[in-house]
Structure formats: C-alpha cells, structure tokens
Protein backbone atom coordinates (compact mmCIF):
# COMPACT_ATOMS: atom_id res chain seq x y z
CA UNK A 1 9.59 -13.27 -15.92
CA UNK A 2 8.16 -13.90 -12.48
CA UNK A 3 9.44 -10.73 -10.88
CA UNK A 4 7.56 -9.50 -7.85
CA UNK A 5 5.33 -6.50 -8.41
CA UNK A 6 5.46 -3.35 -6.35
CA UNK A 7 1.88 -3.19 -5.16
CA UNK A 8 0.35 -0.85 -2.59
CA UNK A 9 -1.34 -3.47 -0.44
CA UNK A 10 1.19 -6.28 -0.90
CA UNK A 11 -1.51 -8.91 -1.34
CA UNK A 12 -1.16 -9.67 -5.08
CA UNK A 13 1.78 -12.04 -5.37
CA UNK A 14 1.56 -14.73 -8.06
CA UNK A 15 2.02 -18.45 -7.63
CA UNK A 16 1.86 -20.97 -10.48
CA UNK A 17 0.84 -24.47 -9.43
CA UNK A 18 0.54 -27.76 -11.26
CA UNK A 19 -3.10 -28.85 -11.12
CA UNK A 20 -2.66 -32.54 -10.28
CA UNK A 21 -6.32 -33.56 -10.70
CA UNK A 22 -6.75 -31.91 -14.10
CA UNK A 23 -3.32 -33.12 -15.22
CA UNK A 24 -4.14 -36.72 -14.34
CA UNK A 25 -7.47 -36.48 -16.17
CA UNK A 26 -5.98 -34.88 -19.30
CA UNK A 27 -2.77 -36.92 -19.38
CA UNK A 28 -0.57 -33.80 -19.68
CA UNK A 29 0.78 -31.27 -17.18
CA UNK A 30 -1.73 -28.48 -16.62
CA UNK A 31 -0.99 -25.37 -14.56
CA UNK A 32 -3.22 -23.03 -12.61
CA UNK A 33 -2.36 -19.51 -11.45
CA UNK A 34 -3.30 -18.40 -7.95
CA UNK A 35 -2.89 -15.07 -6.22
CA UNK A 36 -2.08 -14.32 -2.59
CA UNK A 37 -5.34 -12.31 -2.37
CA UNK A 38 -7.33 -15.55 -2.76
CA UNK A 39 -8.07 -15.43 -6.50
CA UNK A 40 -7.69 -18.72 -8.34
CA UNK A 41 -7.69 -19.24 -12.10
CA UNK A 42 -10.95 -20.88 -13.17
CA UNK A 43 -9.56 -23.37 -15.70
CA UNK A 44 -6.04 -24.86 -15.87
CA UNK A 45 -3.89 -24.19 -18.93
CA UNK A 46 -1.00 -26.08 -20.53
CA UNK A 47 1.96 -23.73 -20.34
CA UNK A 48 3.48 -21.65 -17.58
CA UNK A 49 3.30 -18.51 -19.76
CA UNK A 50 -0.46 -18.92 -20.30
CA UNK A 51 -1.04 -19.30 -16.57
CA UNK A 52 1.04 -16.21 -15.84
CA UNK A 53 -0.84 -14.26 -18.54
CA UNK A 54 -4.11 -15.15 -16.79
CA UNK A 55 -2.66 -13.95 -13.50
CA UNK A 56 -1.60 -10.65 -15.13
CA UNK A 57 -5.16 -10.14 -16.38
CA UNK A 58 -6.37 -10.55 -12.79
CA UNK A 59 -3.71 -8.19 -11.41
CA UNK A 60 -4.48 -5.48 -14.00
CA UNK A 61 -8.16 -5.46 -13.01
CA UNK A 62 -7.23 -5.05 -9.35
CA UNK A 63 -4.49 -2.47 -9.76
CA UNK A 64 -4.26 0.85 -11.40
CA UNK A 65 -1.82 3.65 -12.06
CA UNK A 66 -1.36 6.56 -9.72
CA UNK A 67 -4.00 9.28 -9.74
CA UNK A 68 -1.39 11.95 -9.16
CA UNK A 69 -0.30 14.40 -11.85
CA UNK A 70 1.84 12.85 -14.60
CA UNK A 71 4.00 15.96 -14.96
CA UNK A 72 5.24 15.70 -11.35
CA UNK A 73 7.85 12.97 -10.79
CA UNK A 74 7.24 10.39 -8.05
CA UNK A 75 10.30 11.52 -6.08
CA UNK A 76 8.97 15.08 -5.91
CA UNK A 77 5.54 13.80 -4.81
CA UNK A 78 7.15 11.81 -2.01
CA UNK A 79 9.18 14.84 -0.91
CA UNK A 80 6.02 16.98 -0.86
CA UNK A 81 4.26 14.32 1.20
CA UNK A 82 7.11 14.31 3.73
CA UNK A 83 6.98 18.10 3.97
CA UNK A 84 3.21 17.98 4.53
CA UNK A 85 3.60 15.25 7.16
CA UNK A 86 6.19 17.30 9.06
CA UNK A 87 3.95 20.39 8.82
CA UNK A 88 0.97 18.45 10.22
CA UNK A 89 3.11 17.03 13.03
CA UNK A 90 4.59 20.40 13.94
CA UNK A 91 1.15 22.01 13.86
CA UNK A 92 -0.22 19.43 16.27
CA UNK A 93 2.77 19.79 18.59
CA UNK A 94 2.64 23.60 18.57
CA UNK A 95 -1.10 23.38 19.21
CA UNK A 96 -0.38 21.17 22.22
CA UNK A 97 2.14 23.69 23.52
CA UNK A 98 -0.44 26.45 23.08
CA UNK A 99 -2.95 24.46 25.14
CA UNK A 100 -0.33 23.93 27.85
CA UNK A 101 0.46 27.64 27.91
CA UNK A 102 -3.20 28.73 27.82
CA UNK A 103 -4.24 26.42 30.65
CA UNK A 104 -1.03 27.01 32.66
CA UNK A 105 -0.45 23.29 33.03
CA UNK A 106 2.42 22.07 35.18
CA UNK A 107 3.66 18.73 36.46
CA UNK A 108 1.70 15.66 35.36
CA UNK A 109 -0.84 17.73 33.40
CA UNK A 110 1.97 19.24 31.33
CA UNK A 111 3.51 15.81 30.66
CA UNK A 112 0.17 14.28 29.66
CA UNK A 113 -0.59 17.19 27.32
CA UNK A 114 2.84 16.89 25.65
CA UNK A 115 2.52 13.12 25.17
CA UNK A 116 -0.98 13.60 23.77
CA UNK A 117 0.26 16.30 21.38
CA UNK A 118 3.08 14.06 20.13
CA UNK A 119 0.67 11.11 19.68
CA UNK A 120 -1.77 13.32 17.81
CA UNK A 121 1.07 14.67 15.66
CA UNK A 122 2.16 11.17 14.59
CA UNK A 123 -1.44 10.07 14.04
CA UNK A 124 -2.22 13.08 11.85
CA UNK A 125 0.97 12.68 9.80
CA UNK A 126 0.49 8.99 9.13
CA UNK A 127 -3.22 9.41 8.42
CA UNK A 128 -2.25 11.95 5.76
CA UNK A 129 0.25 9.46 4.32
CA UNK A 130 -2.35 6.68 4.08
CA UNK A 131 -4.96 9.01 2.61
CA UNK A 132 -2.58 10.31 -0.06
CA UNK A 133 -0.85 7.07 -1.06
CA UNK A 134 -2.76 6.63 -4.33
CA UNK A 135 -1.87 10.19 -5.37
CA UNK A 136 1.80 9.81 -4.51
CA UNK A 137 3.16 6.55 -5.94
CA UNK A 138 1.96 4.16 -8.61
CA UNK A 139 0.36 0.93 -7.47
CA UNK A 140 2.29 -1.25 -9.90
CA UNK A 141 5.76 -1.28 -11.35
C-alpha cells in the first residue's frame, strides 16, 4: 500500500508518523501524514489508511498527468525526445565546426571552439529534455 510514487521532482514521498502529543491527549494512537516537500497533515487521524488517504489528496493536488498526446505511447515519446536531443547536439557541433572552418582557426583556438561546441551541444540537448519532461512522461504512476 505504501509503494513509492514515480514523481517528476522526487520531492513527494509519504511518511506516516504517530502524533505523540495528540495521542497522549486523546488516549488512543493518532497518526499524521507528512510529505517530503514539507506538507504536514493539519489534524491527526486514527488509522493508518486515513492518514495515507489524506496524503494522497495532497499528492493529487500537486501532481498531474502528462500533457502529451494520449494516443502516443510513453516509450515512443521518449524515443522521439532522444532523437531530438541528438539532433540538437549534432546541430550545435556541426555549427561549431562551421565556425572553425569559416574563421580558419588552428591550434588553441580550434580546441577552444570544439570544446565550446560540445558544451553547447550538451547544454542544448539537456535543456530540451528539461523543457519537454511534462510532455514526455506522466508525473505519477
């Protein structure tokens, strides 16, 4: 029942605690749900299932399904993202080679331009991945 959720930011992991102060005052064991994002259930409840249900209400308000097309499977979306990332990276690298050729760079200038092109290629590819993550995979299992 307490399986971990697959969540995009990894900050919504449940924890069910026994509220010692409220339990001592009520004379029975009361539980309170807390989340790794800092959310805490406002009032303790009696059973573990009730506390987890309150946590699920919190998680559902913070999470949502993917905004990508429903007709396209997640695996295909991930493959398309990888193809786009490689295309961006290759475009940046080929652009760097074109700059090297156009400016007739040699020696240290050539090396610096190649390293810059590779860095820009990785930056562009991973920026695309971060920007498209909500369209690619669902944010909850």
